[in-house]
Every structure is written in structure tokens, then in C-alpha cells.
N, C-alpha and C. Protein backbone atom coordinates (compact mmCIF):
# COMPACT_ATOMS: atom_id res chain seq x y z
N MET A 1 96.55 62.95 75.15
CA MET A 1 95.29 62.26 75.39
C MET A 1 95.51 61.09 76.34
N ALA A 2 94.58 60.83 77.24
CA ALA A 2 94.66 59.71 78.17
C ALA A 2 94.20 58.43 77.47
N PHE A 3 94.95 57.37 77.63
CA PHE A 3 94.61 56.09 77.03
C PHE A 3 93.71 55.31 77.98
N SER A 4 92.70 54.66 77.41
CA SER A 4 91.84 53.81 78.22
C SER A 4 92.55 52.50 78.51
N GLU A 5 91.99 51.72 79.42
CA GLU A 5 92.60 50.43 79.76
C GLU A 5 92.61 49.50 78.55
N GLU A 6 91.56 49.57 77.74
CA GLU A 6 91.51 48.74 76.53
C GLU A 6 92.58 49.17 75.53
N ASP A 7 92.78 50.48 75.38
CA ASP A 7 93.83 50.98 74.48
C ASP A 7 95.21 50.53 74.93
N LYS A 8 95.46 50.62 76.23
CA LYS A 8 96.76 50.20 76.75
C LYS A 8 97.01 48.73 76.50
N HIS A 9 95.97 47.91 76.65
CA HIS A 9 96.13 46.46 76.43
C HIS A 9 96.44 46.17 74.97
N VAL A 10 95.73 46.84 74.05
CA VAL A 10 95.97 46.63 72.62
C VAL A 10 97.38 47.07 72.23
N ILE A 11 97.79 48.22 72.73
CA ILE A 11 99.13 48.73 72.41
C ILE A 11 100.20 47.80 72.95
N LYS A 12 100.00 47.27 74.15
CA LYS A 12 100.98 46.37 74.74
C LYS A 12 101.11 45.08 73.92
N ILE A 13 99.98 44.48 73.52
CA ILE A 13 100.02 43.22 72.77
C ILE A 13 100.69 43.42 71.41
N LEU A 14 100.31 44.48 70.70
CA LEU A 14 100.89 44.71 69.37
C LEU A 14 102.34 45.12 69.45
N ARG A 15 102.74 45.79 70.50
CA ARG A 15 104.14 46.19 70.63
C ARG A 15 105.02 44.98 70.93
N GLN A 16 104.55 44.13 71.84
CA GLN A 16 105.36 42.99 72.23
C GLN A 16 105.37 41.88 71.18
N ASN A 17 104.25 41.69 70.47
CA ASN A 17 104.16 40.58 69.51
C ASN A 17 104.57 40.97 68.10
N LYS A 18 104.22 42.19 67.68
CA LYS A 18 104.49 42.60 66.30
C LYS A 18 105.42 43.81 66.20
N HIS A 19 105.87 44.31 67.34
CA HIS A 19 106.83 45.41 67.39
C HIS A 19 106.33 46.66 66.65
N TYR A 20 105.06 46.99 66.88
CA TYR A 20 104.50 48.19 66.28
C TYR A 20 105.19 49.43 66.86
N GLY A 21 105.41 50.43 66.01
CA GLY A 21 105.91 51.71 66.46
C GLY A 21 104.81 52.75 66.47
N ALA A 22 105.14 53.96 66.86
CA ALA A 22 104.13 55.01 66.96
C ALA A 22 103.50 55.30 65.61
N LYS A 23 104.30 55.35 64.54
CA LYS A 23 103.75 55.62 63.21
C LYS A 23 102.81 54.50 62.76
N ARG A 24 103.16 53.26 63.06
CA ARG A 24 102.31 52.13 62.67
C ARG A 24 100.98 52.16 63.41
N PHE A 25 101.02 52.52 64.67
CA PHE A 25 99.78 52.63 65.45
C PHE A 25 98.87 53.71 64.87
N LEU A 26 99.44 54.87 64.53
CA LEU A 26 98.63 55.95 63.96
C LEU A 26 98.06 55.56 62.60
N LYS A 27 98.77 54.74 61.86
CA LYS A 27 98.30 54.31 60.55
C LYS A 27 97.21 53.25 60.66
N GLU A 28 97.38 52.32 61.61
CA GLU A 28 96.41 51.23 61.77
C GLU A 28 95.15 51.67 62.51
N PHE A 29 95.26 52.69 63.33
CA PHE A 29 94.10 53.15 64.12
C PHE A 29 93.87 54.63 63.89
N PRO A 30 93.47 55.02 62.68
CA PRO A 30 93.27 56.46 62.42
C PRO A 30 92.06 57.04 63.14
N HIS A 31 91.11 56.18 63.53
CA HIS A 31 89.91 56.68 64.22
C HIS A 31 90.18 57.00 65.68
N LYS A 32 91.33 56.55 66.19
CA LYS A 32 91.68 56.86 67.57
C LYS A 32 92.34 58.24 67.64
N SER A 33 92.03 58.96 68.67
CA SER A 33 92.61 60.31 68.84
C SER A 33 93.92 60.22 69.61
N TRP A 34 94.80 59.31 69.18
CA TRP A 34 96.08 59.15 69.84
C TRP A 34 97.07 60.18 69.31
N SER A 35 97.98 60.61 70.16
CA SER A 35 99.02 61.54 69.75
C SER A 35 100.35 60.80 69.64
N ARG A 36 101.24 61.36 68.83
CA ARG A 36 102.54 60.73 68.63
C ARG A 36 103.35 60.71 69.92
N SER A 37 103.33 61.82 70.64
CA SER A 37 104.11 61.90 71.89
C SER A 37 103.57 60.93 72.94
N GLY A 38 102.24 60.80 72.99
CA GLY A 38 101.65 59.88 73.95
C GLY A 38 102.00 58.43 73.65
N LEU A 39 102.00 58.07 72.36
CA LEU A 39 102.37 56.71 71.97
C LEU A 39 103.84 56.44 72.25
N ASP A 40 104.70 57.41 71.96
CA ASP A 40 106.13 57.23 72.24
C ASP A 40 106.37 56.98 73.73
N LYS A 41 105.63 57.69 74.57
CA LYS A 41 105.82 57.55 76.01
C LYS A 41 105.38 56.18 76.50
N ILE A 42 104.21 55.72 76.04
CA ILE A 42 103.72 54.42 76.52
C ILE A 42 104.53 53.27 75.94
N ILE A 43 105.08 53.45 74.71
CA ILE A 43 105.94 52.41 74.11
C ILE A 43 107.24 52.29 74.89
N ARG A 44 107.83 53.42 75.28
CA ARG A 44 109.05 53.38 76.08
C ARG A 44 108.80 52.68 77.42
N LYS A 45 107.63 52.91 77.99
CA LYS A 45 107.30 52.29 79.26
C LYS A 45 107.13 50.79 79.10
N ILE A 46 106.51 50.35 78.01
CA ILE A 46 106.34 48.92 77.77
C ILE A 46 107.69 48.26 77.54
N ASP A 47 108.56 48.91 76.79
CA ASP A 47 109.88 48.32 76.51
C ASP A 47 110.75 48.22 77.77
N SER A 48 110.62 49.18 78.67
CA SER A 48 111.49 49.19 79.85
C SER A 48 110.95 48.37 81.01
N THR A 49 109.63 48.34 81.16
CA THR A 49 109.03 47.64 82.31
C THR A 49 108.25 46.40 81.93
N GLY A 50 107.87 46.27 80.66
CA GLY A 50 107.08 45.12 80.24
C GLY A 50 105.60 45.26 80.52
N THR A 51 105.14 46.41 80.97
CA THR A 51 103.73 46.64 81.25
C THR A 51 103.39 48.09 80.98
N SER A 52 102.11 48.34 80.74
CA SER A 52 101.64 49.72 80.52
C SER A 52 101.01 50.31 81.76
N GLN A 53 100.93 49.53 82.83
CA GLN A 53 100.32 49.98 84.05
C GLN A 53 101.32 50.72 84.92
N ARG A 54 100.81 51.52 85.81
CA ARG A 54 101.67 52.26 86.72
C ARG A 54 102.25 51.32 87.76
N LEU A 55 103.54 51.39 87.97
CA LEU A 55 104.21 50.52 88.93
C LEU A 55 103.96 51.01 90.35
N PRO A 56 103.84 50.07 91.30
CA PRO A 56 103.64 50.48 92.70
C PRO A 56 104.83 51.30 93.21
N GLY A 57 104.53 52.40 93.88
CA GLY A 57 105.58 53.25 94.42
C GLY A 57 106.13 54.27 93.46
N SER A 58 105.64 54.27 92.22
CA SER A 58 106.12 55.24 91.25
C SER A 58 105.38 56.56 91.42
N GLY A 59 105.89 57.59 90.81
CA GLY A 59 105.27 58.90 90.89
C GLY A 59 105.77 59.71 92.06
N ARG A 60 105.21 60.88 92.21
CA ARG A 60 105.63 61.79 93.27
C ARG A 60 105.13 61.28 94.61
N PRO A 61 105.99 61.16 95.62
CA PRO A 61 105.55 60.65 96.92
C PRO A 61 104.60 61.63 97.60
N ARG A 62 103.72 61.09 98.41
CA ARG A 62 102.78 61.93 99.15
C ARG A 62 103.49 62.72 100.24
N THR A 63 103.09 63.97 100.39
CA THR A 63 103.64 64.81 101.45
C THR A 63 102.56 65.29 102.41
N ALA A 64 101.32 65.31 101.96
CA ALA A 64 100.22 65.82 102.80
C ALA A 64 99.35 64.68 103.32
N ARG A 65 98.97 63.76 102.46
CA ARG A 65 98.06 62.69 102.86
C ARG A 65 98.84 61.48 103.36
N THR A 66 99.70 61.70 104.32
CA THR A 66 100.45 60.62 104.93
C THR A 66 99.64 60.01 106.08
N ALA A 67 100.12 58.88 106.59
CA ALA A 67 99.40 58.19 107.66
C ALA A 67 99.30 59.06 108.91
N ASP A 68 100.37 59.78 109.23
CA ASP A 68 100.36 60.64 110.42
C ASP A 68 99.38 61.79 110.26
N LYS A 69 99.38 62.42 109.07
CA LYS A 69 98.48 63.55 108.84
C LYS A 69 97.02 63.08 108.84
N ILE A 70 96.77 61.90 108.27
CA ILE A 70 95.41 61.36 108.27
C ILE A 70 94.93 61.11 109.69
N GLU A 71 95.81 60.59 110.53
CA GLU A 71 95.44 60.35 111.93
C GLU A 71 95.17 61.65 112.66
N ASP A 72 95.98 62.69 112.39
CA ASP A 72 95.76 63.99 113.04
C ASP A 72 94.44 64.61 112.61
N VAL A 73 94.14 64.52 111.31
CA VAL A 73 92.88 65.07 110.82
C VAL A 73 91.69 64.33 111.41
N GLU A 74 91.80 63.01 111.51
CA GLU A 74 90.70 62.22 112.08
C GLU A 74 90.44 62.61 113.53
N THR A 75 91.51 62.87 114.28
CA THR A 75 91.35 63.25 115.68
C THR A 75 90.67 64.60 115.81
N LEU A 76 90.97 65.54 114.91
CA LEU A 76 90.42 66.89 115.02
C LEU A 76 89.03 67.02 114.41
N VAL A 77 88.75 66.26 113.35
CA VAL A 77 87.48 66.45 112.65
C VAL A 77 86.32 65.78 113.36
N LEU A 78 86.60 64.81 114.23
CA LEU A 78 85.55 64.11 114.97
C LEU A 78 85.57 64.53 116.42
N SER A 79 84.38 64.71 116.99
CA SER A 79 84.28 65.05 118.41
C SER A 79 84.61 63.83 119.26
N GLN A 80 85.19 64.09 120.43
CA GLN A 80 85.49 63.00 121.35
C GLN A 80 84.20 62.44 121.92
N GLU A 81 84.21 61.16 122.27
CA GLU A 81 82.99 60.51 122.75
C GLU A 81 82.47 61.16 124.03
N ASP A 82 83.35 61.54 124.93
CA ASP A 82 82.94 62.14 126.19
C ASP A 82 82.91 63.66 126.16
N LEU A 83 83.29 64.25 125.01
CA LEU A 83 83.31 65.71 124.88
C LEU A 83 82.66 66.10 123.55
N PRO A 84 81.35 66.19 123.50
CA PRO A 84 80.69 66.59 122.25
C PRO A 84 80.99 68.05 121.90
N GLN A 85 80.80 68.38 120.63
CA GLN A 85 81.01 69.73 120.12
C GLN A 85 82.47 70.18 120.24
N THR A 86 83.42 69.23 120.21
CA THR A 86 84.83 69.58 120.31
C THR A 86 85.57 69.42 118.98
N HIS A 87 84.85 69.13 117.91
CA HIS A 87 85.50 68.95 116.62
C HIS A 87 85.93 70.30 116.04
N ARG A 88 86.83 70.27 115.09
CA ARG A 88 87.33 71.47 114.43
C ARG A 88 86.79 71.55 113.02
N ILE A 89 86.67 72.76 112.51
CA ILE A 89 86.29 72.94 111.11
C ILE A 89 87.55 72.82 110.25
N GLN A 90 87.36 72.72 108.94
CA GLN A 90 88.49 72.45 108.06
C GLN A 90 89.52 73.57 108.09
N ARG A 91 89.11 74.81 108.23
CA ARG A 91 90.07 75.91 108.29
C ARG A 91 90.94 75.82 109.53
N GLN A 92 90.35 75.44 110.66
CA GLN A 92 91.13 75.29 111.88
C GLN A 92 92.10 74.11 111.76
N ILE A 93 91.64 73.03 111.15
CA ILE A 93 92.51 71.86 110.95
C ILE A 93 93.68 72.23 110.05
N THR A 94 93.42 73.05 109.04
CA THR A 94 94.49 73.47 108.14
C THR A 94 95.60 74.19 108.89
N ARG A 95 95.24 75.07 109.81
CA ARG A 95 96.24 75.82 110.57
C ARG A 95 96.96 74.92 111.58
N GLU A 96 96.25 73.99 112.20
CA GLU A 96 96.87 73.18 113.25
C GLU A 96 97.75 72.07 112.68
N VAL A 97 97.32 71.46 111.58
CA VAL A 97 98.08 70.34 111.01
C VAL A 97 99.18 70.83 110.08
N GLY A 98 98.96 71.98 109.43
CA GLY A 98 99.99 72.54 108.54
C GLY A 98 99.91 72.04 107.13
N ILE A 99 98.71 71.68 106.64
CA ILE A 99 98.51 71.29 105.25
C ILE A 99 97.40 72.15 104.67
N SER A 100 97.25 72.09 103.35
CA SER A 100 96.26 72.94 102.69
C SER A 100 94.85 72.45 102.98
N GLN A 101 93.88 73.36 102.80
CA GLN A 101 92.48 72.99 103.04
C GLN A 101 92.01 71.97 102.03
N ARG A 102 92.54 72.01 100.81
CA ARG A 102 92.17 71.01 99.81
C ARG A 102 92.63 69.62 100.23
N SER A 103 93.83 69.54 100.82
CA SER A 103 94.32 68.24 101.30
C SER A 103 93.46 67.74 102.46
N VAL A 104 93.05 68.65 103.35
CA VAL A 104 92.18 68.26 104.45
C VAL A 104 90.85 67.72 103.91
N ASN A 105 90.32 68.38 102.90
CA ASN A 105 89.06 67.94 102.31
C ASN A 105 89.20 66.56 101.69
N ARG A 106 90.31 66.31 101.00
CA ARG A 106 90.52 64.99 100.40
C ARG A 106 90.69 63.91 101.45
N ILE A 107 91.38 64.22 102.53
CA ILE A 107 91.54 63.23 103.61
C ILE A 107 90.19 62.87 104.21
N VAL A 108 89.35 63.89 104.44
CA VAL A 108 88.05 63.65 105.05
C VAL A 108 87.16 62.81 104.14
N LYS A 109 87.16 63.11 102.85
CA LYS A 109 86.24 62.43 101.93
C LYS A 109 86.78 61.11 101.40
N LYS A 110 88.06 61.07 101.03
CA LYS A 110 88.60 59.89 100.36
C LYS A 110 89.25 58.90 101.33
N ASP A 111 90.02 59.40 102.28
CA ASP A 111 90.72 58.51 103.20
C ASP A 111 89.84 58.09 104.38
N LEU A 112 89.20 59.06 105.02
CA LEU A 112 88.33 58.75 106.16
C LEU A 112 86.92 58.38 105.74
N ARG A 113 86.55 58.73 104.49
CA ARG A 113 85.22 58.41 103.95
C ARG A 113 84.11 58.93 104.87
N LEU A 114 84.19 60.22 105.17
CA LEU A 114 83.19 60.89 106.00
C LEU A 114 82.35 61.81 105.14
N ILE A 115 81.13 62.04 105.55
CA ILE A 115 80.25 62.98 104.87
C ILE A 115 79.88 64.08 105.85
N CYS A 116 79.55 65.25 105.31
CA CYS A 116 79.22 66.41 106.13
C CYS A 116 77.72 66.53 106.27
N MET A 117 77.24 66.68 107.47
CA MET A 117 75.81 66.85 107.73
C MET A 117 75.61 68.18 108.44
N LYS A 118 74.61 68.91 108.00
CA LYS A 118 74.33 70.23 108.57
C LYS A 118 73.55 70.09 109.87
N LYS A 119 73.96 70.89 110.86
CA LYS A 119 73.26 70.87 112.14
C LYS A 119 71.89 71.54 112.00
N ARG A 120 70.95 71.05 112.76
CA ARG A 120 69.60 71.60 112.75
C ARG A 120 69.24 72.07 114.16
N ARG A 121 68.40 73.09 114.19
CA ARG A 121 67.95 73.59 115.48
C ARG A 121 66.95 72.62 116.10
N ALA A 122 67.04 72.47 117.40
CA ALA A 122 66.11 71.59 118.12
C ALA A 122 65.98 72.10 119.55
N HIS A 123 64.85 71.75 120.14
CA HIS A 123 64.60 72.16 121.52
C HIS A 123 65.45 71.32 122.46
N GLU A 124 66.17 71.97 123.35
CA GLU A 124 67.04 71.25 124.26
C GLU A 124 66.24 70.69 125.43
N LEU A 125 66.41 69.39 125.66
CA LEU A 125 65.76 68.73 126.79
C LEU A 125 66.85 68.19 127.71
N THR A 126 66.94 68.79 128.87
CA THR A 126 67.92 68.33 129.85
C THR A 126 67.36 67.13 130.61
N VAL A 127 68.18 66.54 131.44
CA VAL A 127 67.73 65.41 132.25
C VAL A 127 66.61 65.86 133.20
N ALA A 128 66.73 67.08 133.72
CA ALA A 128 65.70 67.60 134.63
C ALA A 128 64.38 67.81 133.89
N ASN A 129 64.45 68.30 132.64
CA ASN A 129 63.23 68.50 131.86
C ASN A 129 62.52 67.16 131.59
N LYS A 130 63.29 66.15 131.24
CA LYS A 130 62.69 64.84 130.97
C LYS A 130 62.03 64.25 132.22
N GLN A 131 62.70 64.39 133.35
CA GLN A 131 62.14 63.86 134.58
C GLN A 131 60.88 64.62 134.99
N ALA A 132 60.88 65.94 134.78
CA ALA A 132 59.69 66.73 135.12
C ALA A 132 58.52 66.34 134.24
N ARG A 133 58.75 66.11 132.97
CA ARG A 133 57.66 65.69 132.08
C ARG A 133 57.11 64.32 132.49
N LEU A 134 58.01 63.42 132.88
CA LEU A 134 57.56 62.09 133.30
C LEU A 134 56.72 62.17 134.57
N ASP A 135 57.15 62.97 135.55
CA ASP A 135 56.41 63.10 136.80
C ASP A 135 55.04 63.73 136.57
N ARG A 136 54.98 64.76 135.72
CA ARG A 136 53.70 65.42 135.48
C ARG A 136 52.75 64.52 134.70
N SER A 137 53.28 63.70 133.80
CA SER A 137 52.43 62.77 133.06
C SER A 137 51.82 61.73 134.00
N ARG A 138 52.59 61.26 134.96
CA ARG A 138 52.07 60.30 135.92
C ARG A 138 51.01 60.92 136.82
N LEU A 139 51.22 62.19 137.23
CA LEU A 139 50.21 62.88 138.03
C LEU A 139 48.92 63.08 137.25
N LEU A 140 49.05 63.34 135.94
CA LEU A 140 47.87 63.53 135.12
C LEU A 140 47.07 62.23 135.00
N LEU A 141 47.78 61.12 134.89
CA LEU A 141 47.09 59.83 134.81
C LEU A 141 46.37 59.50 136.11
N ARG A 142 46.92 59.91 137.24
CA ARG A 142 46.27 59.63 138.52
C ARG A 142 45.02 60.49 138.72
N ARG A 143 44.98 61.65 138.09
CA ARG A 143 43.87 62.57 138.30
C ARG A 143 42.61 62.10 137.58
N TYR A 144 42.76 61.37 136.48
CA TYR A 144 41.61 60.94 135.70
C TYR A 144 41.51 59.43 135.71
N PRO A 145 40.28 58.90 135.67
CA PRO A 145 40.13 57.44 135.61
C PRO A 145 40.59 56.90 134.27
N ALA A 146 40.84 55.58 134.25
CA ALA A 146 41.36 54.95 133.03
C ALA A 146 40.39 55.08 131.86
N SER A 147 39.08 55.17 132.14
CA SER A 147 38.09 55.26 131.07
C SER A 147 38.13 56.60 130.33
N LEU A 148 38.71 57.63 130.97
CA LEU A 148 38.76 58.95 130.36
C LEU A 148 40.13 59.30 129.79
N VAL A 149 41.11 58.44 130.02
CA VAL A 149 42.47 58.75 129.56
C VAL A 149 42.51 58.88 128.04
N HIS A 150 41.75 58.03 127.32
CA HIS A 150 41.78 58.06 125.86
C HIS A 150 41.16 59.32 125.28
N PHE A 151 40.42 60.06 126.10
CA PHE A 151 39.75 61.27 125.60
C PHE A 151 40.50 62.54 126.01
N ILE A 152 41.69 62.38 126.54
CA ILE A 152 42.52 63.54 126.88
C ILE A 152 43.31 63.94 125.63
N TRP A 153 43.19 65.19 125.26
CA TRP A 153 43.87 65.69 124.05
C TRP A 153 44.99 66.64 124.45
N PHE A 154 46.12 66.44 123.84
CA PHE A 154 47.26 67.33 124.02
C PHE A 154 47.38 68.19 122.77
N THR A 155 47.32 69.49 122.93
CA THR A 155 47.31 70.40 121.80
C THR A 155 48.53 71.32 121.85
N ASP A 156 48.88 71.83 120.70
CA ASP A 156 49.97 72.79 120.58
C ASP A 156 49.74 73.62 119.34
N LYS A 157 50.32 74.80 119.30
CA LYS A 157 50.17 75.69 118.15
C LYS A 157 51.51 76.30 117.79
N LYS A 158 51.61 76.69 116.54
CA LYS A 158 52.86 77.25 116.02
C LYS A 158 52.54 78.33 115.01
N LEU A 159 53.29 79.43 115.07
CA LEU A 159 53.15 80.52 114.11
C LEU A 159 54.21 80.36 113.02
N PHE A 160 53.76 80.36 111.77
CA PHE A 160 54.66 80.27 110.62
C PHE A 160 54.59 81.57 109.84
N THR A 161 55.74 82.21 109.68
CA THR A 161 55.80 83.45 108.93
C THR A 161 55.72 83.16 107.44
N VAL A 162 54.80 83.84 106.75
CA VAL A 162 54.62 83.65 105.32
C VAL A 162 55.56 84.61 104.61
N ALA A 163 56.78 84.16 104.36
CA ALA A 163 57.77 85.00 103.70
C ALA A 163 58.67 84.11 102.87
N PHE A 164 59.10 84.62 101.74
CA PHE A 164 59.98 83.86 100.85
C PHE A 164 61.36 83.74 101.49
N PRO A 165 61.92 82.52 101.61
CA PRO A 165 63.25 82.39 102.22
C PRO A 165 64.30 83.13 101.41
N SER A 166 65.18 83.81 102.11
CA SER A 166 66.17 84.62 101.41
C SER A 166 67.51 84.50 102.10
N ASN A 167 68.54 84.76 101.31
CA ASN A 167 69.91 84.80 101.82
C ASN A 167 70.54 86.09 101.32
N ALA A 168 70.97 86.94 102.26
CA ALA A 168 71.48 88.26 101.88
C ALA A 168 72.70 88.15 100.97
N GLN A 169 73.45 87.06 101.05
CA GLN A 169 74.63 86.92 100.21
C GLN A 169 74.27 86.70 98.74
N ASN A 170 73.04 86.26 98.49
CA ASN A 170 72.64 85.96 97.12
C ASN A 170 72.06 87.17 96.40
N TYR A 171 71.86 88.28 97.10
CA TYR A 171 71.28 89.47 96.48
C TYR A 171 72.41 90.42 96.09
N ARG A 172 72.71 90.43 94.83
CA ARG A 172 73.78 91.29 94.31
C ARG A 172 73.26 92.06 93.09
N LEU A 173 73.76 93.26 92.94
CA LEU A 173 73.38 94.11 91.81
C LEU A 173 74.66 94.60 91.15
N TYR A 174 74.85 94.22 89.90
CA TYR A 174 76.05 94.61 89.16
C TYR A 174 75.76 95.87 88.33
N VAL A 175 76.61 96.87 88.50
CA VAL A 175 76.47 98.13 87.76
C VAL A 175 77.83 98.49 87.17
N ALA A 176 77.82 99.49 86.30
CA ALA A 176 79.07 99.91 85.66
C ALA A 176 79.99 100.57 86.67
N VAL A 177 81.29 100.48 86.41
CA VAL A 177 82.28 101.09 87.30
C VAL A 177 82.07 102.61 87.33
N GLY A 178 82.10 103.18 88.52
CA GLY A 178 81.90 104.61 88.68
C GLY A 178 80.48 105.00 89.01
N THR A 179 79.54 104.03 88.96
CA THR A 179 78.14 104.33 89.28
C THR A 179 77.96 104.45 90.78
N ARG A 180 77.24 105.47 91.22
CA ARG A 180 76.97 105.67 92.63
C ARG A 180 75.58 105.14 92.98
N LYS A 181 75.41 104.82 94.26
CA LYS A 181 74.13 104.28 94.69
C LYS A 181 72.99 105.28 94.49
N ARG A 182 73.29 106.57 94.65
CA ARG A 182 72.23 107.57 94.52
C ARG A 182 71.75 107.71 93.09
N ASP A 183 72.54 107.18 92.14
CA ASP A 183 72.14 107.22 90.74
C ASP A 183 71.28 106.04 90.33
N ILE A 184 71.09 105.08 91.25
CA ILE A 184 70.30 103.88 90.95
C ILE A 184 68.92 104.04 91.57
N ALA A 185 67.92 103.57 90.88
CA ALA A 185 66.55 103.63 91.40
C ALA A 185 66.44 102.84 92.69
N ALA A 186 65.65 103.35 93.63
CA ALA A 186 65.55 102.73 94.95
C ALA A 186 64.99 101.31 94.87
N ASP A 187 64.05 101.07 93.94
CA ASP A 187 63.45 99.74 93.86
C ASP A 187 64.40 98.71 93.27
N GLU A 188 65.57 99.14 92.80
CA GLU A 188 66.53 98.21 92.22
C GLU A 188 67.56 97.73 93.24
N HIS A 189 67.99 98.61 94.14
CA HIS A 189 69.04 98.21 95.08
C HIS A 189 68.57 98.13 96.52
N LEU A 190 67.28 98.32 96.78
CA LEU A 190 66.72 98.17 98.12
C LEU A 190 65.78 96.98 98.14
N ARG A 191 65.92 96.15 99.15
CA ARG A 191 65.02 95.01 99.36
C ARG A 191 64.17 95.33 100.58
N THR A 192 62.96 95.77 100.35
CA THR A 192 62.09 96.25 101.42
C THR A 192 61.30 95.10 102.03
N ARG A 193 60.77 95.34 103.21
CA ARG A 193 59.92 94.38 103.90
C ARG A 193 58.84 95.15 104.65
N PRO A 194 57.67 94.59 104.80
CA PRO A 194 56.60 95.29 105.53
C PRO A 194 56.88 95.33 107.02
N THR A 195 56.21 96.25 107.70
CA THR A 195 56.39 96.38 109.14
C THR A 195 55.90 95.14 109.88
N PHE A 196 54.76 94.62 109.46
CA PHE A 196 54.19 93.43 110.08
C PHE A 196 54.11 92.34 109.01
N SER A 197 54.86 91.28 109.21
CA SER A 197 54.88 90.20 108.24
C SER A 197 53.64 89.34 108.40
N LYS A 198 53.19 88.79 107.30
CA LYS A 198 52.05 87.88 107.35
C LYS A 198 52.49 86.55 107.96
N PHE A 199 51.58 85.95 108.74
CA PHE A 199 51.91 84.67 109.35
C PHE A 199 50.68 83.77 109.35
N LEU A 200 50.95 82.51 109.54
CA LEU A 200 49.91 81.48 109.56
C LEU A 200 50.03 80.69 110.84
N MET A 201 48.90 80.50 111.54
CA MET A 201 48.90 79.74 112.77
C MET A 201 48.40 78.32 112.50
N ALA A 202 49.17 77.33 112.95
CA ALA A 202 48.78 75.93 112.81
C ALA A 202 48.62 75.34 114.20
N SER A 203 47.50 74.67 114.43
CA SER A 203 47.22 74.06 115.72
C SER A 203 46.89 72.58 115.51
N VAL A 204 47.38 71.73 116.39
CA VAL A 204 47.16 70.28 116.27
C VAL A 204 46.98 69.69 117.65
N GLY A 205 46.18 68.64 117.72
CA GLY A 205 45.96 67.92 118.96
C GLY A 205 46.11 66.43 118.74
N VAL A 206 46.56 65.71 119.75
CA VAL A 206 46.77 64.26 119.65
C VAL A 206 46.32 63.60 120.95
N SER A 207 45.81 62.39 120.83
CA SER A 207 45.36 61.64 121.99
C SER A 207 46.05 60.29 122.01
N SER A 208 45.81 59.51 123.05
CA SER A 208 46.42 58.20 123.16
C SER A 208 45.85 57.20 122.16
N LEU A 209 44.73 57.56 121.53
CA LEU A 209 44.15 56.70 120.49
C LEU A 209 44.80 56.94 119.12
N GLU A 210 45.88 57.73 119.11
CA GLU A 210 46.60 58.05 117.88
C GLU A 210 45.68 58.77 116.89
N ARG A 211 44.83 59.63 117.43
CA ARG A 211 43.94 60.46 116.60
C ARG A 211 44.40 61.89 116.70
N THR A 212 44.30 62.61 115.55
CA THR A 212 44.69 64.01 115.54
C THR A 212 43.53 64.85 115.05
């Protein structure tokens, strides 16, 4: 059983001041779920080191989460400032650095304190697209007087498919060993879809008066 910090402090005080042994501790604290072997181990540690805490530098030395490996992972997991989309995924980092994927994950989360964000689709606007939009907007303003600018509406529409979101990896059917697909009813192992899916059209307009 793992001892809490309060338990360790009590054991240390009673051992150093009253020389309690493992049997005495079990007798005085029957409500504690302490084990004899655990008490013997912590008592030996108190007698030899004078403390129940872990000494700096003790334990098995790190072999994966070293300073060099952390620096290598940081270089690969983050894209360069002048070269976007150049970062590596954890599996690629595992092969290049030579450590396990679990160690890479711990370095990213605990040492580098990074979080993972999922990419989202977005419309790409190049520098030429932005400049073209700016030029056309200025031409539009010149075509109409200032009194009519507030009554110009910009509209757009979008088609939304009315379908339940699905992931093919989540659709599994467990059957007994030796069962063939032809022995299973079609409505159980087939996920059908109509030829023409239902959709909903949404249209919106906005003006310079912030009205929609």
C-alpha cells in the first residue's frame, strides 16, 4: 500500500522519538491499511537516511526523457516559423528519435506542456484573393452613392445534408466464430443509404448596418 504524506510524517516522528517498530505501528493504528512489508521498508529508510522522502537522484535514471531527447522531440513536433506544416506526428518522431511512442507522448504533455488541437477545414485565401476582394469592394463603393451603401446586401447560401454523422470504424457486428456473412440478415450487417440524401438550404444576407 502507498503511504500518504501524513502517514509518512507520523511514522517518522514515532520511529525517531519512540522507536516504534512495524508490529507496534500495526497495533496502534489498526484502522490503517498498512502492510508489514511496507512498514519495514519505510522504517529502514528512516533509519538509514533520517527521512521518509525520496532522495534527489535516487531511483532508476532516465533513459528516454533526457534533455537531448526532449530537445529533439520539441524540434520535430513543432513546425518551423518559416516552414509551416513541417511538424512530425508521434509515430514519425518515435522512429526518428529512437524512443517509444509512450515516451514521446509524455515528453509532449509533461515536459513541453503542449496540447493537441485538431485541424479544421477552411477556405484558402491567397494574397491574390485578398487583393482582388479589396479592389472589387472599392469599385463597388464607387458605383453607388454614399446614401445607398447602407442598403447594399451581401447574400450567400449553403446546402446542409440532413444525415446522422457516422464513422465507419464504429460500426461493428460481433457474431459467433464460423458464422458466414450470407447467414446473417441483410438488415443487420448492411448500412444502407438513399440515392438522394435530404438536404437543407440556408441563406443569409448582411449589410453595413450590421443587419441580417
